[in-house]
Amino acid sequence: GPIPEETPWVLEQLAEYDAKALFFCV
């Protein structure tokens, strides 16, 4: 990513569990 079709949705899922992640971006 990041792309508008998927990345914001991923961020919403992570926020539900207070999960942090590392995004390897193109």
mmCIF file of all heavy atoms, coordinates in Angstrom:
data_MODEL
# 
_entry.id   MODEL 
# 
loop_
_atom_site.group_PDB 
_atom_site.id 
_atom_site.type_symbol 
_atom_site.label_atom_id 
_atom_site.label_alt_id 
_atom_site.label_comp_id 
_atom_site.label_asym_id 
_atom_site.label_entity_id 
_atom_site.label_seq_id 
_atom_site.pdbx_PDB_ins_code 
_atom_site.Cartn_x 
_atom_site.Cartn_y 
_atom_site.Cartn_z 
_atom_site.occupancy 
_atom_site.B_iso_or_equiv 
_atom_site.pdbx_formal_charge 
_atom_site.auth_seq_id 
_atom_site.auth_comp_id 
_atom_site.auth_asym_id 
_atom_site.auth_atom_id 
_atom_site.pdbx_PDB_model_num 
ATOM 1   N N   . GLY A 1 1  ? 0.833   -1.203 0.000  1.00 0.00 ? 1  GLY A N   1 
ATOM 2   C CA  . GLY A 1 1  ? 0.000   0.000  0.000  1.00 0.00 ? 1  GLY A CA  1 
ATOM 3   C C   . GLY A 1 1  ? 0.867   1.252  0.000  1.00 0.00 ? 1  GLY A C   1 
ATOM 4   O O   . GLY A 1 1  ? 2.050   1.192  -0.324 1.00 0.00 ? 1  GLY A O   1 
ATOM 5   N N   . PRO A 1 2  ? 0.277   2.381  0.401  1.00 0.00 ? 2  PRO A N   1 
ATOM 6   C CA  . PRO A 1 2  ? -1.128  2.525  0.782  1.00 0.00 ? 2  PRO A CA  1 
ATOM 7   C C   . PRO A 1 2  ? -2.008  2.774  -0.440 1.00 0.00 ? 2  PRO A C   1 
ATOM 8   O O   . PRO A 1 2  ? -1.594  3.433  -1.393 1.00 0.00 ? 2  PRO A O   1 
ATOM 9   C CB  . PRO A 1 2  ? -1.102  3.755  1.699  1.00 0.00 ? 2  PRO A CB  1 
ATOM 10  C CG  . PRO A 1 2  ? 0.029   4.593  1.158  1.00 0.00 ? 2  PRO A CG  1 
ATOM 11  C CD  . PRO A 1 2  ? 1.053   3.617  0.652  1.00 0.00 ? 2  PRO A CD  1 
ATOM 12  N N   . ILE A 1 3  ? -3.224  2.237  -0.388 1.00 0.00 ? 3  ILE A N   1 
ATOM 13  C CA  . ILE A 1 3  ? -4.206  2.507  -1.440 1.00 0.00 ? 3  ILE A CA  1 
ATOM 14  C C   . ILE A 1 3  ? -5.555  2.794  -0.772 1.00 0.00 ? 3  ILE A C   1 
ATOM 15  O O   . ILE A 1 3  ? -5.858  2.238  0.280  1.00 0.00 ? 3  ILE A O   1 
ATOM 16  C CB  . ILE A 1 3  ? -4.334  1.351  -2.446 1.00 0.00 ? 3  ILE A CB  1 
ATOM 17  C CG1 . ILE A 1 3  ? -4.736  0.045  -1.754 1.00 0.00 ? 3  ILE A CG1 1 
ATOM 18  C CG2 . ILE A 1 3  ? -3.035  1.182  -3.237 1.00 0.00 ? 3  ILE A CG2 1 
ATOM 19  C CD1 . ILE A 1 3  ? -5.085  -1.082 -2.721 1.00 0.00 ? 3  ILE A CD1 1 
ATOM 20  N N   . PRO A 1 4  ? -6.377  3.641  -1.387 1.00 0.00 ? 4  PRO A N   1 
ATOM 21  C CA  . PRO A 1 4  ? -7.644  4.031  -0.743 1.00 0.00 ? 4  PRO A CA  1 
ATOM 22  C C   . PRO A 1 4  ? -8.644  2.891  -0.638 1.00 0.00 ? 4  PRO A C   1 
ATOM 23  O O   . PRO A 1 4  ? -9.513  2.906  0.248  1.00 0.00 ? 4  PRO A O   1 
ATOM 24  C CB  . PRO A 1 4  ? -8.168  5.161  -1.632 1.00 0.00 ? 4  PRO A CB  1 
ATOM 25  C CG  . PRO A 1 4  ? -7.469  4.994  -2.946 1.00 0.00 ? 4  PRO A CG  1 
ATOM 26  C CD  . PRO A 1 4  ? -6.141  4.405  -2.621 1.00 0.00 ? 4  PRO A CD  1 
ATOM 27  N N   . GLU A 1 5  ? -8.537  1.897  -1.516 1.00 0.00 ? 5  GLU A N   1 
ATOM 28  C CA  . GLU A 1 5  ? -9.499  0.801  -1.505 1.00 0.00 ? 5  GLU A CA  1 
ATOM 29  C C   . GLU A 1 5  ? -9.329  -0.135 -0.311 1.00 0.00 ? 5  GLU A C   1 
ATOM 30  O O   . GLU A 1 5  ? -10.295 -0.773 0.118  1.00 0.00 ? 5  GLU A O   1 
ATOM 31  C CB  . GLU A 1 5  ? -9.391  -0.023 -2.803 1.00 0.00 ? 5  GLU A CB  1 
ATOM 32  C CG  . GLU A 1 5  ? -9.705  0.739  -4.066 1.00 0.00 ? 5  GLU A CG  1 
ATOM 33  C CD  . GLU A 1 5  ? -8.502  1.457  -4.653 1.00 0.00 ? 5  GLU A CD  1 
ATOM 34  O OE1 . GLU A 1 5  ? -7.456  1.576  -3.965 1.00 0.00 ? 5  GLU A OE1 1 
ATOM 35  O OE2 . GLU A 1 5  ? -8.601  1.911  -5.809 1.00 0.00 ? 5  GLU A OE2 1 
ATOM 36  N N   . GLU A 1 6  ? -8.106  -0.252 0.226  1.00 0.00 ? 6  GLU A N   1 
ATOM 37  C CA  . GLU A 1 6  ? -7.856  -1.258 1.261  1.00 0.00 ? 6  GLU A CA  1 
ATOM 38  C C   . GLU A 1 6  ? -7.251  -0.708 2.551  1.00 0.00 ? 6  GLU A C   1 
ATOM 39  O O   . GLU A 1 6  ? -7.627  -1.129 3.643  1.00 0.00 ? 6  GLU A O   1 
ATOM 40  C CB  . GLU A 1 6  ? -6.925  -2.356 0.716  1.00 0.00 ? 6  GLU A CB  1 
ATOM 41  C CG  . GLU A 1 6  ? -7.447  -3.088 -0.512 1.00 0.00 ? 6  GLU A CG  1 
ATOM 42  C CD  . GLU A 1 6  ? -8.759  -3.818 -0.257 1.00 0.00 ? 6  GLU A CD  1 
ATOM 43  O OE1 . GLU A 1 6  ? -9.007  -4.245 0.890  1.00 0.00 ? 6  GLU A OE1 1 
ATOM 44  O OE2 . GLU A 1 6  ? -9.542  -3.966 -1.207 1.00 0.00 ? 6  GLU A OE2 1 
ATOM 45  N N   . THR A 1 7  ? -6.304  0.202  2.455  1.00 0.00 ? 7  THR A N   1 
ATOM 46  C CA  . THR A 1 7  ? -5.558  0.610  3.650  1.00 0.00 ? 7  THR A CA  1 
ATOM 47  C C   . THR A 1 7  ? -6.427  1.262  4.725  1.00 0.00 ? 7  THR A C   1 
ATOM 48  O O   . THR A 1 7  ? -6.294  0.913  5.909  1.00 0.00 ? 7  THR A O   1 
ATOM 49  C CB  . THR A 1 7  ? -4.376  1.517  3.272  1.00 0.00 ? 7  THR A CB  1 
ATOM 50  O OG1 . THR A 1 7  ? -3.648  0.923  2.187  1.00 0.00 ? 7  THR A OG1 1 
ATOM 51  C CG2 . THR A 1 7  ? -3.450  1.716  4.454  1.00 0.00 ? 7  THR A CG2 1 
ATOM 52  N N   . PRO A 1 8  ? -7.346  2.187  4.386  1.00 0.00 ? 8  PRO A N   1 
ATOM 53  C CA  . PRO A 1 8  ? -8.190  2.741  5.455  1.00 0.00 ? 8  PRO A CA  1 
ATOM 54  C C   . PRO A 1 8  ? -9.023  1.667  6.161  1.00 0.00 ? 8  PRO A C   1 
ATOM 55  O O   . PRO A 1 8  ? -9.209  1.738  7.383  1.00 0.00 ? 8  PRO A O   1 
ATOM 56  C CB  . PRO A 1 8  ? -9.072  3.749  4.715  1.00 0.00 ? 8  PRO A CB  1 
ATOM 57  C CG  . PRO A 1 8  ? -8.255  4.157  3.530  1.00 0.00 ? 8  PRO A CG  1 
ATOM 58  C CD  . PRO A 1 8  ? -7.551  2.899  3.112  1.00 0.00 ? 8  PRO A CD  1 
ATOM 59  N N   . TRP A 1 9  ? -9.498  0.687  5.415  1.00 0.00 ? 9  TRP A N   1 
ATOM 60  C CA  . TRP A 1 9  ? -10.243 -0.411 6.037  1.00 0.00 ? 9  TRP A CA  1 
ATOM 61  C C   . TRP A 1 9  ? -9.342  -1.188 6.994  1.00 0.00 ? 9  TRP A C   1 
ATOM 62  O O   . TRP A 1 9  ? -9.760  -1.543 8.103  1.00 0.00 ? 9  TRP A O   1 
ATOM 63  C CB  . TRP A 1 9  ? -10.791 -1.347 4.955  1.00 0.00 ? 9  TRP A CB  1 
ATOM 64  C CG  . TRP A 1 9  ? -11.518 -2.526 5.519  1.00 0.00 ? 9  TRP A CG  1 
ATOM 65  C CD1 . TRP A 1 9  ? -12.831 -2.585 5.911  1.00 0.00 ? 9  TRP A CD1 1 
ATOM 66  C CD2 . TRP A 1 9  ? -10.957 -3.823 5.787  1.00 0.00 ? 9  TRP A CD2 1 
ATOM 67  N NE1 . TRP A 1 9  ? -13.123 -3.840 6.403  1.00 0.00 ? 9  TRP A NE1 1 
ATOM 68  C CE2 . TRP A 1 9  ? -11.994 -4.617 6.341  1.00 0.00 ? 9  TRP A CE2 1 
ATOM 69  C CE3 . TRP A 1 9  ? -9.700  -4.386 5.611  1.00 0.00 ? 9  TRP A CE3 1 
ATOM 70  C CZ2 . TRP A 1 9  ? -11.794 -5.951 6.717  1.00 0.00 ? 9  TRP A CZ2 1 
ATOM 71  C CZ3 . TRP A 1 9  ? -9.497  -5.708 5.982  1.00 0.00 ? 9  TRP A CZ3 1 
ATOM 72  C CH2 . TRP A 1 9  ? -10.538 -6.475 6.531  1.00 0.00 ? 9  TRP A CH2 1 
ATOM 73  N N   . VAL A 1 10 ? -8.099  -1.455 6.593  1.00 0.00 ? 10 VAL A N   1 
ATOM 74  C CA  . VAL A 1 10 ? -7.151  -2.144 7.475  1.00 0.00 ? 10 VAL A CA  1 
ATOM 75  C C   . VAL A 1 10 ? -6.956  -1.337 8.756  1.00 0.00 ? 10 VAL A C   1 
ATOM 76  O O   . VAL A 1 10 ? -6.963  -1.894 9.864  1.00 0.00 ? 10 VAL A O   1 
ATOM 77  C CB  . VAL A 1 10 ? -5.797  -2.362 6.769  1.00 0.00 ? 10 VAL A CB  1 
ATOM 78  C CG1 . VAL A 1 10 ? -4.725  -2.819 7.764  1.00 0.00 ? 10 VAL A CG1 1 
ATOM 79  C CG2 . VAL A 1 10 ? -5.937  -3.383 5.647  1.00 0.00 ? 10 VAL A CG2 1 
ATOM 80  N N   . LEU A 1 11 ? -6.799  -0.035 8.627  1.00 0.00 ? 11 LEU A N   1 
ATOM 81  C CA  . LEU A 1 11 ? -6.601  0.810  9.809  1.00 0.00 ? 11 LEU A CA  1 
ATOM 82  C C   . LEU A 1 11 ? -7.802  0.729  10.754 1.00 0.00 ? 11 LEU A C   1 
ATOM 83  O O   . LEU A 1 11 ? -7.634  0.729  11.979 1.00 0.00 ? 11 LEU A O   1 
ATOM 84  C CB  . LEU A 1 11 ? -6.357  2.256  9.375  1.00 0.00 ? 11 LEU A CB  1 
ATOM 85  C CG  . LEU A 1 11 ? -5.061  2.513  8.600  1.00 0.00 ? 11 LEU A CG  1 
ATOM 86  C CD1 . LEU A 1 11 ? -5.006  3.949  8.110  1.00 0.00 ? 11 LEU A CD1 1 
ATOM 87  C CD2 . LEU A 1 11 ? -3.833  2.179  9.437  1.00 0.00 ? 11 LEU A CD2 1 
ATOM 88  N N   . GLU A 1 12 ? -9.001  0.628  10.205 1.00 0.00 ? 12 GLU A N   1 
ATOM 89  C CA  . GLU A 1 12 ? -10.199 0.490  11.043 1.00 0.00 ? 12 GLU A CA  1 
ATOM 90  C C   . GLU A 1 12 ? -10.184 -0.830 11.816 1.00 0.00 ? 12 GLU A C   1 
ATOM 91  O O   . GLU A 1 12 ? -10.518 -0.866 13.005 1.00 0.00 ? 12 GLU A O   1 
ATOM 92  C CB  . GLU A 1 12 ? -11.454 0.553  10.169 1.00 0.00 ? 12 GLU A CB  1 
ATOM 93  C CG  . GLU A 1 12 ? -11.739 1.923  9.591  1.00 0.00 ? 12 GLU A CG  1 
ATOM 94  C CD  . GLU A 1 12 ? -12.901 1.891  8.612  1.00 0.00 ? 12 GLU A CD  1 
ATOM 95  O OE1 . GLU A 1 12 ? -13.521 0.807  8.453  1.00 0.00 ? 12 GLU A OE1 1 
ATOM 96  O OE2 . GLU A 1 12 ? -13.179 2.936  7.997  1.00 0.00 ? 12 GLU A OE2 1 
ATOM 97  N N   . GLN A 1 13 ? -9.775  -1.907 11.149 1.00 0.00 ? 13 GLN A N   1 
ATOM 98  C CA  . GLN A 1 13 ? -9.728  -3.209 11.825 1.00 0.00 ? 13 GLN A CA  1 
ATOM 99  C C   . GLN A 1 13 ? -8.690  -3.198 12.945 1.00 0.00 ? 13 GLN A C   1 
ATOM 100 O O   . GLN A 1 13 ? -8.935  -3.698 14.053 1.00 0.00 ? 13 GLN A O   1 
ATOM 101 C CB  . GLN A 1 13 ? -9.383  -4.326 10.819 1.00 0.00 ? 13 GLN A CB  1 
ATOM 102 C CG  . GLN A 1 13 ? -10.270 -4.384 9.597  1.00 0.00 ? 13 GLN A CG  1 
ATOM 103 C CD  . GLN A 1 13 ? -11.742 -4.353 9.929  1.00 0.00 ? 13 GLN A CD  1 
ATOM 104 O OE1 . GLN A 1 13 ? -12.229 -5.185 10.705 1.00 0.00 ? 13 GLN A OE1 1 
ATOM 105 N NE2 . GLN A 1 13 ? -12.464 -3.389 9.375  1.00 0.00 ? 13 GLN A NE2 1 
ATOM 106 N N   . LEU A 1 14 ? -7.540  -2.621 12.687 1.00 0.00 ? 14 LEU A N   1 
ATOM 107 C CA  . LEU A 1 14 ? -6.489  -2.560 13.692 1.00 0.00 ? 14 LEU A CA  1 
ATOM 108 C C   . LEU A 1 14 ? -6.919  -1.728 14.894 1.00 0.00 ? 14 LEU A C   1 
ATOM 109 O O   . LEU A 1 14 ? -6.635  -2.080 16.042 1.00 0.00 ? 14 LEU A O   1 
ATOM 110 C CB  . LEU A 1 14 ? -5.210  -1.987 13.078 1.00 0.00 ? 14 LEU A CB  1 
ATOM 111 C CG  . LEU A 1 14 ? -4.562  -2.810 11.950 1.00 0.00 ? 14 LEU A CG  1 
ATOM 112 C CD1 . LEU A 1 14 ? -3.375  -2.057 11.363 1.00 0.00 ? 14 LEU A CD1 1 
ATOM 113 C CD2 . LEU A 1 14 ? -4.134  -4.185 12.437 1.00 0.00 ? 14 LEU A CD2 1 
ATOM 114 N N   . ALA A 1 15 ? -7.620  -0.639 14.617 1.00 0.00 ? 15 ALA A N   1 
ATOM 115 C CA  . ALA A 1 15 ? -8.039  0.251  15.706 1.00 0.00 ? 15 ALA A CA  1 
ATOM 116 C C   . ALA A 1 15 ? -8.982  -0.454 16.677 1.00 0.00 ? 15 ALA A C   1 
ATOM 117 O O   . ALA A 1 15 ? -8.978  -0.162 17.884 1.00 0.00 ? 15 ALA A O   1 
ATOM 118 C CB  . ALA A 1 15 ? -8.706  1.495  15.128 1.00 0.00 ? 15 ALA A CB  1 
ATOM 119 N N   . GLU A 1 16 ? -9.776  -1.385 16.183 1.00 0.00 ? 16 GLU A N   1 
ATOM 120 C CA  . GLU A 1 16 ? -10.717 -2.105 17.052 1.00 0.00 ? 16 GLU A CA  1 
ATOM 121 C C   . GLU A 1 16 ? -10.008 -2.889 18.150 1.00 0.00 ? 16 GLU A C   1 
ATOM 122 O O   . GLU A 1 16 ? -10.569 -3.147 19.207 1.00 0.00 ? 16 GLU A O   1 
ATOM 123 C CB  . GLU A 1 16 ? -11.582 -3.054 16.220 1.00 0.00 ? 16 GLU A CB  1 
ATOM 124 C CG  . GLU A 1 16 ? -12.697 -2.367 15.455 1.00 0.00 ? 16 GLU A CG  1 
ATOM 125 C CD  . GLU A 1 16 ? -13.718 -3.364 14.953 1.00 0.00 ? 16 GLU A CD  1 
ATOM 126 O OE1 . GLU A 1 16 ? -13.935 -4.395 15.626 1.00 0.00 ? 16 GLU A OE1 1 
ATOM 127 O OE2 . GLU A 1 16 ? -14.286 -3.108 13.884 1.00 0.00 ? 16 GLU A OE2 1 
ATOM 128 N N   . TYR A 1 17 ? -8.754  -3.280 17.887 1.00 0.00 ? 17 TYR A N   1 
ATOM 129 C CA  . TYR A 1 17 ? -8.012  -4.112 18.838 1.00 0.00 ? 17 TYR A CA  1 
ATOM 130 C C   . TYR A 1 17 ? -6.784  -3.392 19.383 1.00 0.00 ? 17 TYR A C   1 
ATOM 131 O O   . TYR A 1 17 ? -5.924  -4.024 20.003 1.00 0.00 ? 17 TYR A O   1 
ATOM 132 C CB  . TYR A 1 17 ? -7.599  -5.424 18.155 1.00 0.00 ? 17 TYR A CB  1 
ATOM 133 C CG  . TYR A 1 17 ? -8.796  -6.266 17.787 1.00 0.00 ? 17 TYR A CG  1 
ATOM 134 C CD1 . TYR A 1 17 ? -9.406  -6.119 16.546 1.00 0.00 ? 17 TYR A CD1 1 
ATOM 135 C CD2 . TYR A 1 17 ? -9.346  -7.164 18.691 1.00 0.00 ? 17 TYR A CD2 1 
ATOM 136 C CE1 . TYR A 1 17 ? -10.526 -6.872 16.206 1.00 0.00 ? 17 TYR A CE1 1 
ATOM 137 C CE2 . TYR A 1 17 ? -10.460 -7.917 18.374 1.00 0.00 ? 17 TYR A CE2 1 
ATOM 138 C CZ  . TYR A 1 17 ? -11.044 -7.760 17.136 1.00 0.00 ? 17 TYR A CZ  1 
ATOM 139 O OH  . TYR A 1 17 ? -12.164 -8.500 16.808 1.00 0.00 ? 17 TYR A OH  1 
ATOM 140 N N   . ASP A 1 18 ? -6.717  -2.083 19.143 1.00 0.00 ? 18 ASP A N   1 
ATOM 141 C CA  . ASP A 1 18 ? -5.545  -1.301 19.541 1.00 0.00 ? 18 ASP A CA  1 
ATOM 142 C C   . ASP A 1 18 ? -4.271  -1.990 19.043 1.00 0.00 ? 18 ASP A C   1 
ATOM 143 O O   . ASP A 1 18 ? -3.261  -2.054 19.754 1.00 0.00 ? 18 ASP A O   1 
ATOM 144 C CB  . ASP A 1 18 ? -5.499  -1.111 21.059 1.00 0.00 ? 18 ASP A CB  1 
ATOM 145 C CG  . ASP A 1 18 ? -4.490  -0.049 21.477 1.00 0.00 ? 18 ASP A CG  1 
ATOM 146 O OD1 . ASP A 1 18 ? -4.221  0.856  20.666 1.00 0.00 ? 18 ASP A OD1 1 
ATOM 147 O OD2 . ASP A 1 18 ? -3.938  -0.146 22.590 1.00 0.00 ? 18 ASP A OD2 1 
ATOM 148 N N   . ALA A 1 19 ? -4.332  -2.528 17.840 1.00 0.00 ? 19 ALA A N   1 
ATOM 149 C CA  . ALA A 1 19 ? -3.205  -3.259 17.244 1.00 0.00 ? 19 ALA A CA  1 
ATOM 150 C C   . ALA A 1 19 ? -2.355  -2.294 16.430 1.00 0.00 ? 19 ALA A C   1 
ATOM 151 O O   . ALA A 1 19 ? -2.884  -1.502 15.643 1.00 0.00 ? 19 ALA A O   1 
ATOM 152 C CB  . ALA A 1 19 ? -3.726  -4.383 16.355 1.00 0.00 ? 19 ALA A CB  1 
ATOM 153 N N   . LYS A 1 20 ? -1.055  -2.359 16.619 1.00 0.00 ? 20 LYS A N   1 
ATOM 154 C CA  . LYS A 1 20 ? -0.134  -1.535 15.855 1.00 0.00 ? 20 LYS A CA  1 
ATOM 155 C C   . LYS A 1 20 ? 0.554   -2.393 14.794 1.00 0.00 ? 20 LYS A C   1 
ATOM 156 O O   . LYS A 1 20 ? 0.751   -3.605 14.969 1.00 0.00 ? 20 LYS A O   1 
ATOM 157 C CB  . LYS A 1 20 ? 0.919   -0.897 16.764 1.00 0.00 ? 20 LYS A CB  1 
ATOM 158 C CG  . LYS A 1 20 ? 0.328   -0.053 17.893 1.00 0.00 ? 20 LYS A CG  1 
ATOM 159 C CD  . LYS A 1 20 ? -0.640  1.002  17.375 1.00 0.00 ? 20 LYS A CD  1 
ATOM 160 C CE  . LYS A 1 20 ? -1.269  1.800  18.515 1.00 0.00 ? 20 LYS A CE  1 
ATOM 161 N NZ  . LYS A 1 20 ? -2.349  2.675  18.042 1.00 0.00 ? 20 LYS A NZ  1 
ATOM 162 N N   . ALA A 1 21 ? 0.926   -1.767 13.676 1.00 0.00 ? 21 ALA A N   1 
ATOM 163 C CA  . ALA A 1 21 ? 1.499   -2.515 12.567 1.00 0.00 ? 21 ALA A CA  1 
ATOM 164 C C   . ALA A 1 21 ? 2.540   -1.669 11.852 1.00 0.00 ? 21 ALA A C   1 
ATOM 165 O O   . ALA A 1 21 ? 2.615   -0.449 12.023 1.00 0.00 ? 21 ALA A O   1 
ATOM 166 C CB  . ALA A 1 21 ? 0.403   -2.941 11.592 1.00 0.00 ? 21 ALA A CB  1 
ATOM 167 N N   . LEU A 1 22 ? 3.327   -2.349 11.050 1.00 0.00 ? 22 LEU A N   1 
ATOM 168 C CA  . LEU A 1 22 ? 4.341   -1.717 10.201 1.00 0.00 ? 22 LEU A CA  1 
ATOM 169 C C   . LEU A 1 22 ? 3.908   -1.914 8.750  1.00 0.00 ? 22 LEU A C   1 
ATOM 170 O O   . LEU A 1 22 ? 3.741   -3.049 8.300  1.00 0.00 ? 22 LEU A O   1 
ATOM 171 C CB  . LEU A 1 22 ? 5.703   -2.359 10.467 1.00 0.00 ? 22 LEU A CB  1 
ATOM 172 C CG  . LEU A 1 22 ? 6.889   -2.008 9.577  1.00 0.00 ? 22 LEU A CG  1 
ATOM 173 C CD1 . LEU A 1 22 ? 7.107   -0.508 9.477  1.00 0.00 ? 22 LEU A CD1 1 
ATOM 174 C CD2 . LEU A 1 22 ? 8.150   -2.695 10.103 1.00 0.00 ? 22 LEU A CD2 1 
ATOM 175 N N   . PHE A 1 23 ? 3.707   -0.809 8.049  1.00 0.00 ? 23 PHE A N   1 
ATOM 176 C CA  . PHE A 1 23 ? 3.257   -0.847 6.661  1.00 0.00 ? 23 PHE A CA  1 
ATOM 177 C C   . PHE A 1 23 ? 4.457   -0.640 5.735  1.00 0.00 ? 23 PHE A C   1 
ATOM 178 O O   . PHE A 1 23 ? 5.083   0.420  5.754  1.00 0.00 ? 23 PHE A O   1 
ATOM 179 C CB  . PHE A 1 23 ? 2.221   0.245  6.405  1.00 0.00 ? 23 PHE A CB  1 
ATOM 180 C CG  . PHE A 1 23 ? 0.888   -0.023 7.052  1.00 0.00 ? 23 PHE A CG  1 
ATOM 181 C CD1 . PHE A 1 23 ? 0.681   0.259  8.401  1.00 0.00 ? 23 PHE A CD1 1 
ATOM 182 C CD2 . PHE A 1 23 ? -0.164  -0.559 6.321  1.00 0.00 ? 23 PHE A CD2 1 
ATOM 183 C CE1 . PHE A 1 23 ? -0.549  0.019  9.000  1.00 0.00 ? 23 PHE A CE1 1 
ATOM 184 C CE2 . PHE A 1 23 ? -1.394  -0.814 6.908  1.00 0.00 ? 23 PHE A CE2 1 
ATOM 185 C CZ  . PHE A 1 23 ? -1.589  -0.530 8.254  1.00 0.00 ? 23 PHE A CZ  1 
ATOM 186 N N   . PHE A 1 24 ? 4.774   -1.662 4.935  1.00 0.00 ? 24 PHE A N   1 
ATOM 187 C CA  . PHE A 1 24 ? 5.845   -1.543 3.952  1.00 0.00 ? 24 PHE A CA  1 
ATOM 188 C C   . PHE A 1 24 ? 5.241   -0.993 2.666  1.00 0.00 ? 24 PHE A C   1 
ATOM 189 O O   . PHE A 1 24 ? 4.505   -1.674 1.958  1.00 0.00 ? 24 PHE A O   1 
ATOM 190 C CB  . PHE A 1 24 ? 6.524   -2.891 3.735  1.00 0.00 ? 24 PHE A CB  1 
ATOM 191 C CG  . PHE A 1 24 ? 7.458   -3.245 4.859  1.00 0.00 ? 24 PHE A CG  1 
ATOM 192 C CD1 . PHE A 1 24 ? 7.055   -4.095 5.872  1.00 0.00 ? 24 PHE A CD1 1 
ATOM 193 C CD2 . PHE A 1 24 ? 8.720   -2.686 4.921  1.00 0.00 ? 24 PHE A CD2 1 
ATOM 194 C CE1 . PHE A 1 24 ? 7.903   -4.394 6.926  1.00 0.00 ? 24 PHE A CE1 1 
ATOM 195 C CE2 . PHE A 1 24 ? 9.585   -2.975 5.972  1.00 0.00 ? 24 PHE A CE2 1 
ATOM 196 C CZ  . PHE A 1 24 ? 9.171   -3.829 6.966  1.00 0.00 ? 24 PHE A CZ  1 
ATOM 197 N N   . CYS A 1 25 ? 5.571   0.259  2.395  1.00 0.00 ? 25 CYS A N   1 
ATOM 198 C CA  . CYS A 1 25 ? 4.885   1.027  1.360  1.00 0.00 ? 25 CYS A CA  1 
ATOM 199 C C   . CYS A 1 25 ? 5.671   1.060  0.054  1.00 0.00 ? 25 CYS A C   1 
ATOM 200 O O   . CYS A 1 25 ? 6.901   1.205  0.054  1.00 0.00 ? 25 CYS A O   1 
ATOM 201 C CB  . CYS A 1 25 ? 4.684   2.464  1.843  1.00 0.00 ? 25 CYS A CB  1 
ATOM 202 S SG  . CYS A 1 25 ? 3.752   2.596  3.381  1.00 0.00 ? 25 CYS A SG  1 
ATOM 203 N N   . VAL A 1 26 ? 4.953   0.965  -1.038 1.00 0.00 ? 26 VAL A N   1 
ATOM 204 C CA  . VAL A 1 26 ? 5.513   1.209  -2.361 1.00 0.00 ? 26 VAL A CA  1 
ATOM 205 C C   . VAL A 1 26 ? 5.529   2.722  -2.583 1.00 0.00 ? 26 VAL A C   1 
ATOM 206 O O   . VAL A 1 26 ? 4.512   3.401  -2.392 1.00 0.00 ? 26 VAL A O   1 
ATOM 207 C CB  . VAL A 1 26 ? 4.677   0.495  -3.435 1.00 0.00 ? 26 VAL A CB  1 
ATOM 208 C CG1 . VAL A 1 26 ? 5.139   0.880  -4.831 1.00 0.00 ? 26 VAL A CG1 1 
ATOM 209 C CG2 . VAL A 1 26 ? 4.753   -1.022 -3.243 1.00 0.00 ? 26 VAL A CG2 1 
# 
